[in-house]
């Protein structure tokens, strides 16, 4: 219950509904334990009412944040559209050696932005499963974007690029937004979809400024007839009509296991015979300049608008539309917040279908009846909300080539809403781009691949760098045949020697010894198949230094993992498989160390 109440507490000052039910079977009602169950239920309700009473009170006053060191010449303040979360950098990179849990940690970093109350309510290793589940929910809602950089990743994948598209058997080329621009839009940035901008030169012909002379009247339900709908409200605020995919029954998976509801699909990628009649109407039949009536009931009209653009598949620009209602048409709303009788306005009631043409009525007749003009103010812009973009292995790509003009726009002081805000023009679509303050960028960087000092200087200046080092203390001490193998000491000593021989950026993370069978065979497999190949790469097959790391110089020959033999005046190194079956070969790696030499308790 505490976790549920904590979630509701985030909505202080907003409307919240909490439904509580108690169900007892006839057997329980007639049993002798009924009084005890009833008392338990009443106690639960008393506790719940106490929690709700606490929430109904005004929250404790927030301590004011310390002032900033002002930049000379900047005295005017810009009205804030979004207030960044205190203590959370807009741009950060988690860097460290391999296996230290950088990608593992981005889950918590994302929650610190999107749901800090949940993160606080589920701390430690015992709360990891709950935190990962919440993170997965946010991904499904479109609140998190994830991408991995690699050598072939480029500007056209990250920002915008021209890509081939097959439609009805014909090859064409279209401009597509990349991962970053989709993230900007999801964060509420004022960036028009590329499809609308691509048609901008022909706006006078394809985007009418008024109702068509031969236009039709359409009636649409958005989220049915429920009295309060966030989907409907967002559609009105964004200047759109939306159609859902209705989340059909889950498709059967292997052995009859449900595979979950199908995700919405871009209607332009489907043939006509794959669409139902409503989808065909929404995609093709509704034309620019037609009049649309938003129905809130069979005899109620809630809004009136003019269709101004073509069909667009848009599941990620707002979390409300992530799982459904991904199909959109832009609309200029002439009037909203209405509650008019459909019978009086159109002479007929509305059917239950999602989308239907209102026959026998012209747009001019409806506008005249409502005394509406076409000069109503445009709808408000997109809603600013936190969105997290995670870039895994950020240093594996050509950063300058991928980021392009973003190198400048990403800087905290150059983002939209800042005093020194900057806007760049995208080279292909010619759209203006500014990065909103509601977009949080989290990167991960493997220092064994490339040193931090070699990273692009412009990128380093714009990101906060947070190290993620190995944590040997999370490893266990395992009992094997009456002997103890302390994996904490084993990893700590190996890393200490690597740091002395190479650098701290090339130590080995604790993840290399996690997820293994708690047996000597499991640990030996990790050393043979994961750690030893990494040491070969680090030391360029200099086996003498690998022997030093594994303390083979101080062991008996039978317990050496890497044995050395002199043949014909040359030193030859060979892996001793027998040592991997001897627990003493592992314990002798740290055998000459004292307990006081370790930063954790034995």
Foldseek 3Di string as FASTA:
>chain_A
DVLVLLVVLVPQPDDDDDDDDDDDDPVCCPDPCVVVVVVVVVVVVVVVVVSVVVSNDDDDDDDDDDDDDDDPPDDDAFDDQDDADPPQDQFAAAEFAPALCRVVCVLLSLCVRAPVSSDVVQDDPRSSVVSVVVSVVCVLLQQEAEAEAAAPDFQCQAAKDWDWDAFPNDIDIDIAGHRPVLLLLQQQHQFDGLVVLVCVVVLVPAFPLAADPPAFEKEAEDPAQPPDDPRVVQQQQAQKDFDKPPQPDFDQDPPRHGPGTDADDDPRRDDPVVDDPVVCCQQPVHGFRHKYFYDNDQFWTFWIWTFGAGKDQAQNSYSVRSRIRRIITGIFTQDGRGTGTNCVQLVGTHDRDRMDTRPPDGPVSNCVVVVTDSPHDGRHGGRRAAGEYEYEACVNYPNCRRCPPVLVQLAPQQAPSHPNHDWDQDPPSRIIDHRHSRYGYYYYHQCVVPHPVPPDPSNVVRYHYDYRAADLVVDQWAAEPNDTFRSSLLQVLLLVLCCVVPRSSHGDHPSLLPPFPSYLVRVLCSCVPPVVVSVCVVVVNPVVSVQVSLVVVVDDQQQGQWHWDADPNDIDIDGRPSNSVDSVSRCVSRVVPDQVVDPDHD
